[in-house]
Amino acid sequence: MTETYSIQARFESTLGTARADELLAKLDNYSNQPNAVAGAAKRPSDPEIEAKAHAAFAAATPEEVDLELDSIGMWGLLTLAARADVTILDSLPASRADSPKVASIRRAAAKHRKGL
């Protein structure tokens, strides 16, 4: 990711820039947003990353979320955040809430919880 936005900055500040940038680069390397969701859903569980991703999204305004979800990697990060607490998806802006990707994230989070 070349530009730093508020969710990304919060995530980097809590997880550490190098570790966060490595993860975000991997998530951003998917060919499209649905693939980033699917790829993130297949990642092994990491409660620390998931909690910090959730906190970064929870602290964001709806406008910040809407802007940053234009990024492929941020959909992957949102998938990880939903593992910590799926209700984060309830706070998405209306323009994003009905996306098929959100339904995919909900299913992935439910499947993840069953596997714990």
PDB file of N, CA and C in Angstrom:
ATOM      1  N   MET A   1       0.853  -1.167   0.000  1.00  0.00           N
ATOM      2  CA  MET A   1       0.000   0.000   0.000  1.00  0.00           C
ATOM      3  C   MET A   1       0.897   1.227   0.000  1.00  0.00           C
ATOM      4  N   THR A   2       0.659   2.116  -0.908  1.00  0.00           N
ATOM      5  CA  THR A   2       1.540   3.261  -1.027  1.00  0.00           C
ATOM      6  C   THR A   2       1.112   4.428  -0.157  1.00  0.00           C
ATOM      7  N   GLU A   3      -0.175   4.630   0.021  1.00  0.00           N
ATOM      8  CA  GLU A   3      -0.646   5.719   0.858  1.00  0.00           C
ATOM      9  C   GLU A   3      -1.064   5.158   2.209  1.00  0.00           C
ATOM     10  N   THR A   4      -0.925   5.986   3.238  1.00  0.00           N
ATOM     11  CA  THR A   4      -1.340   5.566   4.564  1.00  0.00           C
ATOM     12  C   THR A   4      -2.628   6.291   4.917  1.00  0.00           C
ATOM     13  N   TYR A   5      -3.614   5.536   5.301  1.00  0.00           N
ATOM     14  CA  TYR A   5      -4.899   6.069   5.717  1.00  0.00           C
ATOM     15  C   TYR A   5      -5.098   5.756   7.191  1.00  0.00           C
ATOM     16  N   SER A   6      -6.171   6.280   7.771  1.00  0.00           N
ATOM     17  CA  SER A   6      -6.342   6.195   9.222  1.00  0.00           C
ATOM     18  C   SER A   6      -6.436   4.763   9.750  1.00  0.00           C
ATOM     19  N   ILE A   7      -7.196   3.897   9.108  1.00  0.00           N
ATOM     20  CA  ILE A   7      -7.309   2.521   9.603  1.00  0.00           C
ATOM     21  C   ILE A   7      -5.957   1.831   9.507  1.00  0.00           C
ATOM     22  N   GLN A   8      -5.320   2.008   8.379  1.00  0.00           N
ATOM     23  CA  GLN A   8      -3.988   1.425   8.185  1.00  0.00           C
ATOM     24  C   GLN A   8      -3.018   1.961   9.233  1.00  0.00           C
ATOM     25  N   ALA A   9      -3.043   3.264   9.474  1.00  0.00           N
ATOM     26  CA  ALA A   9      -2.131   3.873  10.447  1.00  0.00           C
ATOM     27  C   ALA A   9      -2.391   3.339  11.854  1.00  0.00           C
ATOM     28  N   ARG A  10      -3.660   3.200  12.231  1.00  0.00           N
ATOM     29  CA  ARG A  10      -3.982   2.655  13.557  1.00  0.00           C
ATOM     30  C   ARG A  10      -3.495   1.215  13.681  1.00  0.00           C
ATOM     31  N   PHE A  11      -3.719   0.437  12.633  1.00  0.00           N
ATOM     32  CA  PHE A  11      -3.292  -0.960  12.643  1.00  0.00           C
ATOM     33  C   PHE A  11      -1.772  -1.042  12.760  1.00  0.00           C
ATOM     34  N   GLU A  12      -1.065  -0.222  11.990  1.00  0.00           N
ATOM     35  CA  GLU A  12       0.403  -0.213  12.043  1.00  0.00           C
ATOM     36  C   GLU A  12       0.908   0.208  13.415  1.00  0.00           C
ATOM     37  N   SER A  13       0.255   1.196  14.020  1.00  0.00           N
ATOM     38  CA  SER A  13       0.748   1.702  15.306  1.00  0.00           C
ATOM     39  C   SER A  13       0.570   0.689  16.428  1.00  0.00           C
ATOM     40  N   THR A  14      -0.430  -0.165  16.326  1.00  0.00           N
ATOM     41  CA  THR A  14      -0.637  -1.145  17.389  1.00  0.00           C
ATOM     42  C   THR A  14       0.096  -2.460  17.138  1.00  0.00           C
ATOM     43  N   LEU A  15       0.211  -2.853  15.886  1.00  0.00           N
ATOM     44  CA  LEU A  15       0.857  -4.126  15.565  1.00  0.00           C
ATOM     45  C   LEU A  15       2.350  -3.966  15.315  1.00  0.00           C
ATOM     46  N   GLY A  16       2.748  -2.782  14.918  1.00  0.00           N
ATOM     47  CA  GLY A  16       4.127  -2.541  14.504  1.00  0.00           C
ATOM     48  C   GLY A  16       4.151  -2.380  12.991  1.00  0.00           C
ATOM     49  N   THR A  17       4.824  -1.356  12.543  1.00  0.00           N
ATOM     50  CA  THR A  17       4.793  -1.016  11.123  1.00  0.00           C
ATOM     51  C   THR A  17       5.272  -2.145  10.230  1.00  0.00           C
ATOM     52  N   ALA A  18       6.391  -2.756  10.551  1.00  0.00           N
ATOM     53  CA  ALA A  18       6.948  -3.797   9.671  1.00  0.00           C
ATOM     54  C   ALA A  18       5.992  -4.984   9.551  1.00  0.00           C
ATOM     55  N   ARG A  19       5.487  -5.441  10.673  1.00  0.00           N
ATOM     56  CA  ARG A  19       4.589  -6.604  10.663  1.00  0.00           C
ATOM     57  C   ARG A  19       3.269  -6.278   9.959  1.00  0.00           C
ATOM     58  N   ALA A  20       2.735  -5.096  10.240  1.00  0.00           N
ATOM     59  CA  ALA A  20       1.480  -4.684   9.605  1.00  0.00           C
ATOM     60  C   ALA A  20       1.661  -4.503   8.107  1.00  0.00           C
ATOM     61  N   ASP A  21       2.749  -3.853   7.713  1.00  0.00           N
ATOM     62  CA  ASP A  21       2.993  -3.639   6.284  1.00  0.00           C
ATOM     63  C   ASP A  21       3.170  -4.953   5.537  1.00  0.00           C
ATOM     64  N   GLU A  22       3.815  -5.918   6.171  1.00  0.00           N
ATOM     65  CA  GLU A  22       3.996  -7.229   5.536  1.00  0.00           C
ATOM     66  C   GLU A  22       2.636  -7.894   5.298  1.00  0.00           C
ATOM     67  N   LEU A  23       1.782  -7.873   6.308  1.00  0.00           N
ATOM     68  CA  LEU A  23       0.458  -8.469   6.169  1.00  0.00           C
ATOM     69  C   LEU A  23      -0.374  -7.716   5.133  1.00  0.00           C
ATOM     70  N   LEU A  24      -0.381  -6.391   5.212  1.00  0.00           N
ATOM     71  CA  LEU A  24      -1.180  -5.601   4.276  1.00  0.00           C
ATOM     72  C   LEU A  24      -0.694  -5.776   2.842  1.00  0.00           C
ATOM     73  N   ALA A  25       0.606  -5.908   2.654  1.00  0.00           N
ATOM     74  CA  ALA A  25       1.142  -6.140   1.306  1.00  0.00           C
ATOM     75  C   ALA A  25       0.657  -7.485   0.770  1.00  0.00           C
ATOM     76  N   LYS A  26       0.644  -8.507   1.623  1.00  0.00           N
ATOM     77  CA  LYS A  26       0.143  -9.823   1.195  1.00  0.00           C
ATOM     78  C   LYS A  26      -1.332  -9.737   0.817  1.00  0.00           C
ATOM     79  N   LEU A  27      -2.103  -9.048   1.632  1.00  0.00           N
ATOM     80  CA  LEU A  27      -3.533  -8.923   1.355  1.00  0.00           C
ATOM     81  C   LEU A  27      -3.785  -8.089   0.107  1.00  0.00           C
ATOM     82  N   ASP A  28      -2.950  -7.103  -0.116  1.00  0.00           N
ATOM     83  CA  ASP A  28      -3.100  -6.220  -1.275  1.00  0.00           C
ATOM     84  C   ASP A  28      -2.664  -6.887  -2.574  1.00  0.00           C
ATOM     85  N   ASN A  29      -1.933  -7.985  -2.478  1.00  0.00           N
ATOM     86  CA  ASN A  29      -1.443  -8.667  -3.679  1.00  0.00           C
ATOM     87  C   ASN A  29      -2.489  -9.550  -4.345  1.00  0.00           C
ATOM     88  N   TYR A  30      -3.641  -9.708  -3.728  1.00  0.00           N
ATOM     89  CA  TYR A  30      -4.699 -10.478  -4.378  1.00  0.00           C
ATOM     90  C   TYR A  30      -5.191  -9.702  -5.596  1.00  0.00           C
ATOM     91  N   SER A  31      -5.730 -10.412  -6.562  1.00  0.00           N
ATOM     92  CA  SER A  31      -6.119  -9.786  -7.827  1.00  0.00           C
ATOM     93  C   SER A  31      -7.370  -8.920  -7.720  1.00  0.00           C
ATOM     94  N   ASN A  32      -8.196  -9.177  -6.712  1.00  0.00           N
ATOM     95  CA  ASN A  32      -9.405  -8.369  -6.543  1.00  0.00           C
ATOM     96  C   ASN A  32      -9.902  -8.493  -5.099  1.00  0.00           C
ATOM     97  N   GLN A  33     -10.901  -7.692  -4.761  1.00  0.00           N
ATOM     98  CA  GLN A  33     -11.400  -7.667  -3.391  1.00  0.00           C
ATOM     99  C   GLN A  33     -12.001  -9.001  -2.940  1.00  0.00           C
ATOM    100  N   PRO A  34     -12.824  -9.675  -3.751  1.00  0.00           N
ATOM    101  CA  PRO A  34     -13.347 -10.974  -3.299  1.00  0.00           C
ATOM    102  C   PRO A  34     -12.240 -11.996  -3.030  1.00  0.00           C
ATOM    103  N   ASN A  35     -11.183 -11.969  -3.822  1.00  0.00           N
ATOM    104  CA  ASN A  35     -10.072 -12.895  -3.575  1.00  0.00           C
ATOM    105  C   ASN A  35      -9.332 -12.540  -2.293  1.00  0.00           C
ATOM    106  N   ALA A  36      -9.259 -11.252  -1.962  1.00  0.00           N
ATOM    107  CA  ALA A  36      -8.629 -10.843  -0.703  1.00  0.00           C
ATOM    108  C   ALA A  36      -9.440 -11.348   0.483  1.00  0.00           C
ATOM    109  N   VAL A  37     -10.762 -11.289   0.369  1.00  0.00           N
ATOM    110  CA  VAL A  37     -11.633 -11.816   1.425  1.00  0.00           C
ATOM    111  C   VAL A  37     -11.411 -13.319   1.571  1.00  0.00           C
ATOM    112  N   ALA A  38     -11.427 -14.032   0.451  1.00  0.00           N
ATOM    113  CA  ALA A  38     -11.243 -15.487   0.486  1.00  0.00           C
ATOM    114  C   ALA A  38      -9.861 -15.859   1.013  1.00  0.00           C
ATOM    115  N   GLY A  39      -8.846 -15.136   0.582  1.00  0.00           N
ATOM    116  CA  GLY A  39      -7.487 -15.424   1.036  1.00  0.00           C
ATOM    117  C   GLY A  39      -7.306 -15.161   2.516  1.00  0.00           C
ATOM    118  N   ALA A  40      -7.855 -14.048   2.994  1.00  0.00           N
ATOM    119  CA  ALA A  40      -7.757 -13.731   4.422  1.00  0.00           C
ATOM    120  C   ALA A  40      -8.509 -14.768   5.249  1.00  0.00           C
ATOM    121  N   ALA A  41      -9.631 -15.237   4.731  1.00  0.00           N
ATOM    122  CA  ALA A  41     -10.423 -16.235   5.454  1.00  0.00           C
ATOM    123  C   ALA A  41      -9.665 -17.547   5.623  1.00  0.00           C
ATOM    124  N   LYS A  42      -8.726 -17.817   4.735  1.00  0.00           N
ATOM    125  CA  LYS A  42      -7.951 -19.062   4.795  1.00  0.00           C
ATOM    126  C   LYS A  42      -6.709 -18.953   5.675  1.00  0.00           C
ATOM    127  N   ARG A  43      -6.404 -17.733   6.129  1.00  0.00           N
ATOM    128  CA  ARG A  43      -5.221 -17.554   6.971  1.00  0.00           C
ATOM    129  C   ARG A  43      -5.412 -18.262   8.310  1.00  0.00           C
ATOM    130  N   PRO A  44      -4.317 -18.742   8.889  1.00  0.00           N
ATOM    131  CA  PRO A  44      -4.430 -19.333  10.227  1.00  0.00           C
ATOM    132  C   PRO A  44      -4.870 -18.283  11.245  1.00  0.00           C
ATOM    133  N   SER A  45      -5.488 -18.748  12.283  1.00  0.00           N
ATOM    134  CA  SER A  45      -5.951 -17.850  13.330  1.00  0.00           C
ATOM    135  C   SER A  45      -4.775 -17.141  13.994  1.00  0.00           C
ATOM    136  N   ASP A  46      -4.944 -15.847  14.228  1.00  0.00           N
ATOM    137  CA  ASP A  46      -3.969 -15.047  14.961  1.00  0.00           C
ATOM    138  C   ASP A  46      -4.764 -14.017  15.757  1.00  0.00           C
ATOM    139  N   PRO A  47      -5.165 -14.364  16.983  1.00  0.00           N
ATOM    140  CA  PRO A  47      -6.015 -13.473  17.772  1.00  0.00           C
ATOM    141  C   PRO A  47      -5.451 -12.063  17.949  1.00  0.00           C
ATOM    142  N   GLU A  48      -4.133 -11.934  18.031  1.00  0.00           N
ATOM    143  CA  GLU A  48      -3.548 -10.601  18.188  1.00  0.00           C
ATOM    144  C   GLU A  48      -3.829  -9.743  16.956  1.00  0.00           C
ATOM    145  N   ILE A  49      -3.549 -10.266  15.786  1.00  0.00           N
ATOM    146  CA  ILE A  49      -3.796  -9.514  14.548  1.00  0.00           C
ATOM    147  C   ILE A  49      -5.285  -9.216  14.404  1.00  0.00           C
ATOM    148  N   GLU A  50      -6.105 -10.201  14.665  1.00  0.00           N
ATOM    149  CA  GLU A  50      -7.546 -10.041  14.510  1.00  0.00           C
ATOM    150  C   GLU A  50      -8.087  -8.961  15.447  1.00  0.00           C
ATOM    151  N   ALA A  51      -7.641  -8.957  16.694  1.00  0.00           N
ATOM    152  CA  ALA A  51      -8.095  -7.949  17.659  1.00  0.00           C
ATOM    153  C   ALA A  51      -7.626  -6.554  17.267  1.00  0.00           C
ATOM    154  N   LYS A  52      -6.403  -6.450  16.791  1.00  0.00           N
ATOM    155  CA  LYS A  52      -5.878  -5.131  16.409  1.00  0.00           C
ATOM    156  C   LYS A  52      -6.522  -4.631  15.121  1.00  0.00           C
ATOM    157  N   ALA A  53      -6.842  -5.528  14.217  1.00  0.00           N
ATOM    158  CA  ALA A  53      -7.574  -5.140  13.007  1.00  0.00           C
ATOM    159  C   ALA A  53      -8.968  -4.646  13.391  1.00  0.00           C
ATOM    160  N   HIS A  54      -9.605  -5.369  14.309  1.00  0.00           N
ATOM    161  CA  HIS A  54     -10.935  -4.962  14.773  1.00  0.00           C
ATOM    162  C   HIS A  54     -10.879  -3.581  15.419  1.00  0.00           C
ATOM    163  N   ALA A  55      -9.904  -3.363  16.274  1.00  0.00           N
ATOM    164  CA  ALA A  55      -9.785  -2.067  16.952  1.00  0.00           C
ATOM    165  C   ALA A  55      -9.572  -0.936  15.951  1.00  0.00           C
ATOM    166  N   ALA A  56      -8.785  -1.192  14.919  1.00  0.00           N
ATOM    167  CA  ALA A  56      -8.525  -0.162  13.908  1.00  0.00           C
ATOM    168  C   ALA A  56      -9.803   0.200  13.156  1.00  0.00           C
ATOM    169  N   PHE A  57     -10.598  -0.794  12.808  1.00  0.00           N
ATOM    170  CA  PHE A  57     -11.868  -0.513  12.122  1.00  0.00           C
ATOM    171  C   PHE A  57     -12.877   0.111  13.079  1.00  0.00           C
ATOM    172  N   ALA A  58     -12.917  -0.346  14.324  1.00  0.00           N
ATOM    173  CA  ALA A  58     -13.887   0.168  15.294  1.00  0.00           C
ATOM    174  C   ALA A  58     -13.663   1.647  15.593  1.00  0.00           C
ATOM    175  N   ALA A  59     -12.425   2.098  15.529  1.00  0.00           N
ATOM    176  CA  ALA A  59     -12.107   3.495  15.820  1.00  0.00           C
ATOM    177  C   ALA A  59     -12.329   4.418  14.622  1.00  0.00           C
ATOM    178  N   ALA A  60     -12.594   3.858  13.468  1.00  0.00           N
ATOM    179  CA  ALA A  60     -12.731   4.652  12.244  1.00  0.00           C
ATOM    180  C   ALA A  60     -14.144   5.206  12.089  1.00  0.00           C
ATOM    181  N   THR A  61     -14.226   6.335  11.422  1.00  0.00           N
ATOM    182  CA  THR A  61     -15.527   6.902  11.079  1.00  0.00           C
ATOM    183  C   THR A  61     -16.089   6.156   9.868  1.00  0.00           C
ATOM    184  N   PRO A  62     -17.385   6.230   9.652  1.00  0.00           N
ATOM    185  CA  PRO A  62     -17.950   5.595   8.454  1.00  0.00           C
ATOM    186  C   PRO A  62     -17.310   6.113   7.159  1.00  0.00           C
ATOM    187  N   GLU A  63     -16.963   7.386   7.140  1.00  0.00           N
ATOM    188  CA  GLU A  63     -16.326   7.960   5.953  1.00  0.00           C
ATOM    189  C   GLU A  63     -14.944   7.356   5.724  1.00  0.00           C
ATOM    190  N   GLU A  64     -14.191   7.162   6.806  1.00  0.00           N
ATOM    191  CA  GLU A  64     -12.867   6.543   6.685  1.00  0.00           C
ATOM    192  C   GLU A  64     -12.987   5.106   6.197  1.00  0.00           C
ATOM    193  N   VAL A  65     -13.938   4.376   6.745  1.00  0.00           N
ATOM    194  CA  VAL A  65     -14.140   2.987   6.324  1.00  0.00           C
ATOM    195  C   VAL A  65     -14.505   2.948   4.850  1.00  0.00           C
ATOM    196  N   ASP A  66     -15.430   3.806   4.447  1.00  0.00           N
ATOM    197  CA  ASP A  66     -15.867   3.827   3.054  1.00  0.00           C
ATOM    198  C   ASP A  66     -14.699   4.115   2.115  1.00  0.00           C
ATOM    199  N   LEU A  67     -13.869   5.073   2.462  1.00  0.00           N
ATOM    200  CA  LEU A  67     -12.708   5.429   1.642  1.00  0.00           C
ATOM    201  C   LEU A  67     -11.711   4.276   1.571  1.00  0.00           C
ATOM    202  N   GLU A  68     -11.393   3.693   2.703  1.00  0.00           N
ATOM    203  CA  GLU A  68     -10.342   2.674   2.729  1.00  0.00           C
ATOM    204  C   GLU A  68     -10.782   1.341   2.138  1.00  0.00           C
ATOM    205  N   LEU A  69     -12.076   1.090   2.090  1.00  0.00           N
ATOM    206  CA  LEU A  69     -12.532  -0.161   1.490  1.00  0.00           C
ATOM    207  C   LEU A  69     -12.487  -0.132  -0.038  1.00  0.00           C
ATOM    208  N   ASP A  70     -11.957   0.931  -0.606  1.00  0.00           N
ATOM    209  CA  ASP A  70     -11.645   0.922  -2.038  1.00  0.00           C
ATOM    210  C   ASP A  70     -10.409   0.073  -2.295  1.00  0.00           C
ATOM    211  N   SER A  71      -9.649  -0.198  -1.246  1.00  0.00           N
ATOM    212  CA  SER A  71      -8.412  -0.978  -1.335  1.00  0.00           C
ATOM    213  C   SER A  71      -8.708  -2.473  -1.272  1.00  0.00           C
ATOM    214  N   ILE A  72      -8.003  -3.231  -2.074  1.00  0.00           N
ATOM    215  CA  ILE A  72      -8.129  -4.693  -2.048  1.00  0.00           C
ATOM    216  C   ILE A  72      -7.751  -5.231  -0.669  1.00  0.00           C
ATOM    217  N   GLY A  73      -6.611  -4.787  -0.154  1.00  0.00           N
ATOM    218  CA  GLY A  73      -6.101  -5.307   1.106  1.00  0.00           C
ATOM    219  C   GLY A  73      -6.967  -5.005   2.307  1.00  0.00           C
ATOM    220  N   MET A  74      -7.658  -3.878   2.291  1.00  0.00           N
ATOM    221  CA  MET A  74      -8.501  -3.524   3.434  1.00  0.00           C
ATOM    222  C   MET A  74      -9.694  -4.461   3.579  1.00  0.00           C
ATOM    223  N   TRP A  75     -10.175  -5.029   2.466  1.00  0.00           N
ATOM    224  CA  TRP A  75     -11.234  -6.039   2.577  1.00  0.00           C
ATOM    225  C   TRP A  75     -10.697  -7.282   3.275  1.00  0.00           C
ATOM    226  N   GLY A  76      -9.457  -7.622   2.996  1.00  0.00           N
ATOM    227  CA  GLY A  76      -8.836  -8.743   3.697  1.00  0.00           C
ATOM    228  C   GLY A  76      -8.683  -8.451   5.176  1.00  0.00           C
ATOM    229  N   LEU A  77      -8.259  -7.222   5.489  1.00  0.00           N
ATOM    230  CA  LEU A  77      -8.100  -6.841   6.892  1.00  0.00           C
ATOM    231  C   LEU A  77      -9.452  -6.833   7.603  1.00  0.00           C
ATOM    232  N   LEU A  78     -10.496  -6.378   6.924  1.00  0.00           N
ATOM    233  CA  LEU A  78     -11.836  -6.405   7.508  1.00  0.00           C
ATOM    234  C   LEU A  78     -12.267  -7.844   7.796  1.00  0.00           C
ATOM    235  N   THR A  79     -11.887  -8.765   6.938  1.00  0.00           N
ATOM    236  CA  THR A  79     -12.191 -10.182   7.162  1.00  0.00           C
ATOM    237  C   THR A  79     -11.549 -10.660   8.459  1.00  0.00           C
ATOM    238  N   LEU A  80     -10.305 -10.261   8.685  1.00  0.00           N
ATOM    239  CA  LEU A  80      -9.619 -10.643   9.924  1.00  0.00           C
ATOM    240  C   LEU A  80     -10.251  -9.952  11.128  1.00  0.00           C
ATOM    241  N   ALA A  81     -10.655  -8.693  10.964  1.00  0.00           N
ATOM    242  CA  ALA A  81     -11.308  -7.958  12.055  1.00  0.00           C
ATOM    243  C   ALA A  81     -12.615  -8.634  12.459  1.00  0.00           C
ATOM    244  N   ALA A  82     -13.341  -9.144  11.485  1.00  0.00           N
ATOM    245  CA  ALA A  82     -14.619  -9.802  11.774  1.00  0.00           C
ATOM    246  C   ALA A  82     -14.436 -11.098  12.547  1.00  0.00           C
ATOM    247  N   ARG A  83     -13.261 -11.691  12.459  1.00  0.00           N
ATOM    248  CA  ARG A  83     -12.993 -12.884  13.272  1.00  0.00           C
ATOM    249  C   ARG A  83     -13.014 -12.526  14.754  1.00  0.00           C
ATOM    250  N   ALA A  84     -12.525 -11.344  15.088  1.00  0.00           N
ATOM    251  CA  ALA A  84     -12.501 -10.910  16.487  1.00  0.00           C
ATOM    252  C   ALA A  84     -13.913 -10.600  16.975  1.00  0.00           C
ATOM    253  N   ASP A  85     -14.702  -9.944  16.123  1.00  0.00           N
ATOM    254  CA  ASP A  85     -16.082  -9.604  16.479  1.00  0.00           C
ATOM    255  C   ASP A  85     -16.834  -9.282  15.192  1.00  0.00           C
ATOM    256  N   VAL A  86     -17.681 -10.191  14.795  1.00  0.00           N
ATOM    257  CA  VAL A  86     -18.392 -10.056  13.519  1.00  0.00           C
ATOM    258  C   VAL A  86     -19.317  -8.844  13.495  1.00  0.00           C
ATOM    259  N   THR A  87     -19.685  -8.313  14.655  1.00  0.00           N
ATOM    260  CA  THR A  87     -20.574  -7.150  14.674  1.00  0.00           C
ATOM    261  C   THR A  87     -19.915  -5.906  14.092  1.00  0.00           C
ATOM    262  N   ILE A  88     -18.614  -5.946  13.850  1.00  0.00           N
ATOM    263  CA  ILE A  88     -17.950  -4.820  13.185  1.00  0.00           C
ATOM    264  C   ILE A  88     -18.592  -4.582  11.817  1.00  0.00           C
ATOM    265  N   LEU A  89     -19.120  -5.615  11.218  1.00  0.00           N
ATOM    266  CA  LEU A  89     -19.755  -5.487   9.902  1.00  0.00           C
ATOM    267  C   LEU A  89     -21.058  -4.703   9.977  1.00  0.00           C
ATOM    268  N   ASP A  90     -21.679  -4.666  11.157  1.00  0.00           N
ATOM    269  CA  ASP A  90     -22.925  -3.917  11.328  1.00  0.00           C
ATOM    270  C   ASP A  90     -22.700  -2.415  11.281  1.00  0.00           C
ATOM    271  N   SER A  91     -21.466  -1.980  11.463  1.00  0.00           N
ATOM    272  CA  SER A  91     -21.172  -0.546  11.466  1.00  0.00           C
ATOM    273  C   SER A  91     -20.669  -0.043  10.115  1.00  0.00           C
ATOM    274  N   LEU A  92     -20.677  -0.906   9.107  1.00  0.00           N
ATOM    275  CA  LEU A  92     -20.224  -0.476   7.786  1.00  0.00           C
ATOM    276  C   LEU A  92     -21.176   0.566   7.214  1.00  0.00           C
ATOM    277  N   PRO A  93     -20.644   1.495   6.419  1.00  0.00           N
ATOM    278  CA  PRO A  93     -21.512   2.473   5.766  1.00  0.00           C
ATOM    279  C   PRO A  93     -22.533   1.763   4.868  1.00  0.00           C
ATOM    280  N   ALA A  94     -23.678   2.374   4.692  1.00  0.00           N
ATOM    281  CA  ALA A  94     -24.744   1.776   3.885  1.00  0.00           C
ATOM    282  C   ALA A  94     -24.266   1.420   2.484  1.00  0.00           C
ATOM    283  N   SER A  95     -23.351   2.210   1.957  1.00  0.00           N
ATOM    284  CA  SER A  95     -22.850   1.950   0.602  1.00  0.00           C
ATOM    285  C   SER A  95     -22.054   0.655   0.510  1.00  0.00           C
ATOM    286  N   ARG A  96     -21.621   0.126   1.630  1.00  0.00           N
ATOM    287  CA  ARG A  96     -20.823  -1.112   1.659  1.00  0.00           C
ATOM    288  C   ARG A  96     -21.570  -2.291   2.287  1.00  0.00           C
ATOM    289  N   ALA A  97     -22.553  -2.005   3.106  1.00  0.00           N
ATOM    290  CA  ALA A  97     -23.199  -3.044   3.917  1.00  0.00           C
ATOM    291  C   ALA A  97     -23.873  -4.138   3.096  1.00  0.00           C
ATOM    292  N   ASP A  98     -24.370  -3.803   1.927  1.00  0.00           N
ATOM    293  CA  ASP A  98     -25.074  -4.793   1.109  1.00  0.00           C
ATOM    294  C   ASP A  98     -24.170  -5.510   0.119  1.00  0.00           C
ATOM    295  N   SER A  99     -22.886  -5.283   0.211  1.00  0.00           N
ATOM    296  CA  SER A  99     -21.945  -5.919  -0.707  1.00  0.00           C
ATOM    297  C   SER A  99     -21.936  -7.433  -0.500  1.00  0.00           C
ATOM    298  N   PRO A 100     -21.879  -8.198  -1.579  1.00  0.00           N
ATOM    299  CA  PRO A 100     -21.757  -9.654  -1.432  1.00  0.00           C
ATOM    300  C   PRO A 100     -20.504 -10.052  -0.635  1.00  0.00           C
ATOM    301  N   LYS A 101     -19.492  -9.189  -0.642  1.00  0.00           N
ATOM    302  CA  LYS A 101     -18.271  -9.486   0.117  1.00  0.00           C
ATOM    303  C   LYS A 101     -18.563  -9.520   1.614  1.00  0.00           C
ATOM    304  N   VAL A 102     -19.493  -8.680   2.066  1.00  0.00           N
ATOM    305  CA  VAL A 102     -19.842  -8.657   3.489  1.00  0.00           C
ATOM    306  C   VAL A 102     -20.490  -9.986   3.882  1.00  0.00           C
ATOM    307  N   ALA A 103     -21.348 -10.502   3.035  1.00  0.00           N
ATOM    308  CA  ALA A 103     -21.955 -11.810   3.313  1.00  0.00           C
ATOM    309  C   ALA A 103     -20.883 -12.896   3.347  1.00  0.00           C
ATOM    310  N   SER A 104     -19.908 -12.804   2.459  1.00  0.00           N
ATOM    311  CA  SER A 104     -18.799 -13.773   2.457  1.00  0.00           C
ATOM    312  C   SER A 104     -17.994 -13.685   3.743  1.00  0.00           C
ATOM    313  N   ILE A 105     -17.769 -12.464   4.217  1.00  0.00           N
ATOM    314  CA  ILE A 105     -17.014 -12.275   5.460  1.00  0.00           C
ATOM    315  C   ILE A 105     -17.792 -12.857   6.639  1.00  0.00           C
ATOM    316  N   ARG A 106     -19.097 -12.637   6.672  1.00  0.00           N
ATOM    317  CA  ARG A 106     -19.921 -13.197   7.757  1.00  0.00           C
ATOM    318  C   ARG A 106     -19.824 -14.726   7.778  1.00  0.00           C
ATOM    319  N   ARG A 107     -19.919 -15.336   6.603  1.00  0.00           N
ATOM    320  CA  ARG A 107     -19.812 -16.797   6.530  1.00  0.00           C
ATOM    321  C   ARG A 107     -18.434 -17.264   6.977  1.00  0.00           C
ATOM    322  N   ALA A 108     -17.394 -16.553   6.542  1.00  0.00           N
ATOM    323  CA  ALA A 108     -16.025 -16.935   6.913  1.00  0.00           C
ATOM    324  C   ALA A 108     -15.812 -16.800   8.414  1.00  0.00           C
ATOM    325  N   ALA A 109     -16.358 -15.737   9.014  1.00  0.00           N
ATOM    326  CA  ALA A 109     -16.209 -15.541  10.461  1.00  0.00           C
ATOM    327  C   ALA A 109     -16.933 -16.647  11.229  1.00  0.00           C
ATOM    328  N   ALA A 110     -18.112 -17.024  10.764  1.00  0.00           N
ATOM    329  CA  ALA A 110     -18.856 -18.107  11.421  1.00  0.00           C
ATOM    330  C   ALA A 110     -18.096 -19.427  11.308  1.00  0.00           C
ATOM    331  N   LYS A 111     -17.560 -19.695  10.148  1.00  0.00           N
ATOM    332  CA  LYS A 111     -16.781 -20.922   9.946  1.00  0.00           C
ATOM    333  C   LYS A 111     -15.533 -20.919  10.830  1.00  0.00           C
ATOM    334  N   HIS A 112     -14.902 -19.761  10.942  1.00  0.00           N
ATOM    335  CA  HIS A 112     -13.707 -19.630  11.782  1.00  0.00           C
ATOM    336  C   HIS A 112     -14.048 -19.927  13.244  1.00  0.00           C
ATOM    337  N   ARG A 113     -15.156 -19.367  13.730  1.00  0.00           N
ATOM    338  CA  ARG A 113     -15.563 -19.591  15.125  1.00  0.00           C
ATOM    339  C   ARG A 113     -15.847 -21.067  15.388  1.00  0.00           C
ATOM    340  N   LYS A 114     -16.431 -21.749  14.417  1.00  0.00           N
ATOM    341  CA  LYS A 114     -16.709 -23.182  14.583  1.00  0.00           C
ATOM    342  C   LYS A 114     -15.422 -23.990  14.681  1.00  0.00           C
ATOM    343  N   GLY A 115     -14.380 -23.507  14.009  1.00  0.00           N
ATOM    344  CA  GLY A 115     -13.112 -24.226  13.996  1.00  0.00           C
ATOM    345  C   GLY A 115     -12.248 -23.996  15.218  1.00  0.00           C
ATOM    346  N   LEU A 116     -12.624 -23.045  16.061  1.00  0.00           N
ATOM    347  CA  LEU A 116     -11.807 -22.755  17.249  1.00  0.00           C
ATOM    348  C   LEU A 116     -12.045 -23.747  18.361  1.00  0.00           C
TER     349      LEU A 116
END
